[in-house]
Protein backbone atom coordinates (compact mmCIF):
# COMPACT_ATOMS: atom_id res chain seq x y z
CA UNK A 1 -18.75 2.80 -20.39
CA UNK A 2 -19.99 3.89 -16.97
CA UNK A 3 -20.52 7.60 -16.50
CA UNK A 4 -18.87 8.64 -13.27
CA UNK A 5 -19.68 12.36 -13.18
CA UNK A 6 -18.76 14.29 -10.02
CA UNK A 7 -17.08 11.42 -8.25
CA UNK A 8 -14.07 11.43 -5.98
CA UNK A 9 -11.36 8.81 -6.17
CA UNK A 10 -12.57 7.41 -2.84
CA UNK A 11 -16.08 6.93 -4.26
CA UNK A 12 -14.72 5.26 -7.37
CA UNK A 13 -12.48 2.94 -5.35
CA UNK A 14 -15.41 1.91 -3.15
CA UNK A 15 -17.37 1.03 -6.30
CA UNK A 16 -14.47 -1.27 -7.16
CA UNK A 17 -14.48 -2.93 -3.70
CA UNK A 18 -11.59 -0.99 -2.18
CA UNK A 19 -12.94 0.31 1.12
CA UNK A 20 -9.84 1.28 3.10
CA UNK A 21 -6.57 3.13 2.67
CA UNK A 22 -4.78 -0.01 3.87
CA UNK A 23 -6.35 -2.04 1.08
CA UNK A 24 -5.43 0.62 -1.49
CA UNK A 25 -1.85 0.59 -0.23
CA UNK A 26 -1.65 -3.19 -0.35
CA UNK A 27 -3.15 -3.54 -3.82
CA UNK A 28 -1.24 -0.69 -5.50
CA UNK A 29 2.15 -0.77 -3.81
CA UNK A 30 1.96 2.98 -3.20
CA UNK A 31 3.12 4.37 0.14
CA UNK A 32 0.64 4.82 2.99
CA UNK A 33 1.13 8.60 2.82
CA UNK A 34 0.51 8.67 -0.92
CA UNK A 35 -2.64 6.58 -0.51
CA UNK A 36 -3.83 8.74 2.39
CA UNK A 37 -3.39 11.90 0.30
CA UNK A 38 -5.22 10.36 -2.66
CA UNK A 39 -8.02 8.94 -0.47
CA UNK A 40 -8.65 12.28 1.23
CA UNK A 41 -8.34 14.33 -1.96
CA UNK A 42 -5.23 16.20 -0.80
CA UNK A 43 -3.44 15.42 -4.06
CA UNK A 44 -4.74 14.96 -7.55
CA UNK A 45 -4.56 11.81 -9.62
CA UNK A 46 -1.80 12.41 -12.14
CA UNK A 47 -1.11 10.50 -15.33
CA UNK A 48 1.31 8.05 -13.72
CA UNK A 49 -1.12 7.34 -10.89
CA UNK A 50 -3.98 6.83 -13.35
CA UNK A 51 -1.86 4.30 -15.26
CA UNK A 52 -0.92 2.50 -12.04
CA UNK A 53 -4.52 2.34 -10.78
CA UNK A 54 -5.65 1.06 -14.16
CA UNK A 55 -2.96 -1.63 -14.36
CA UNK A 56 -3.09 -2.85 -10.76
CA UNK A 57 -6.79 -2.44 -9.98
CA UNK A 58 -8.27 -2.95 -13.47
CA UNK A 59 -10.30 0.25 -13.17
CA UNK A 60 -11.20 1.47 -16.67
CA UNK A 61 -9.29 4.53 -17.83
CA UNK A 62 -12.57 6.15 -18.85
CA UNK A 63 -13.67 6.14 -15.20
CA UNK A 64 -10.32 7.29 -13.82
CA UNK A 65 -10.10 10.35 -16.06
CA UNK A 66 -13.53 11.53 -14.89
CA UNK A 67 -12.50 11.85 -11.24
CA UNK A 68 -13.03 15.31 -9.79
CA UNK A 69 -9.80 17.24 -9.14
CA UNK A 70 -9.00 18.00 -5.49
CA UNK A 71 -10.56 21.15 -4.09
CA UNK A 72 -8.47 24.20 -3.36
CA UNK A 73 -7.09 24.32 0.19
CA UNK A 74 -9.00 26.63 2.50
CA UNK A 75 -7.33 29.92 3.34
CA UNK A 76 -6.40 30.39 6.95
CA UNK A 77 -8.00 33.39 8.58
CA UNK A 78 -5.49 33.71 11.38
CA UNK A 79 -3.42 36.69 12.32
CA UNK A 80 -0.95 37.71 9.61
CA UNK A 81 2.63 36.66 10.20
CA UNK A 82 5.08 39.25 11.40
CA UNK A 83 7.51 40.38 8.79
CA UNK A 84 11.10 39.82 9.72
CA UNK A 85 11.83 43.54 9.97
CA UNK A 86 8.87 43.97 12.36
CA UNK A 87 9.97 41.25 14.78
CA UNK A 88 11.50 42.67 18.00
CA UNK A 89 15.18 42.04 18.51
CA UNK A 90 15.85 41.58 14.82
CA UNK A 91 18.10 44.61 14.49
CA UNK A 92 15.40 47.27 14.08
CA UNK A 93 15.08 50.16 16.50
CA UNK A 94 11.74 50.30 18.27
CA UNK A 95 12.12 53.51 20.25
């Protein structure tokens, strides 16, 4: 068994000679959007996806289950949204 340790799905796929999203899409039958999200770590690799990658790409399950989960999305530091009751013209009196 190969120890993967701190490896993203993209890194693992490259080790198995899959170097592009297009190739991942072609070899797995997943949609381009699904493959893009997996490739860029926007979505995690769930049980069904692990099974599919194992069956279609012959990647050992032991390696697939060691993939790092996706990181938490960054919080936006923009201006807070206006609450509906604070928006002008929404039925509140601003006098």
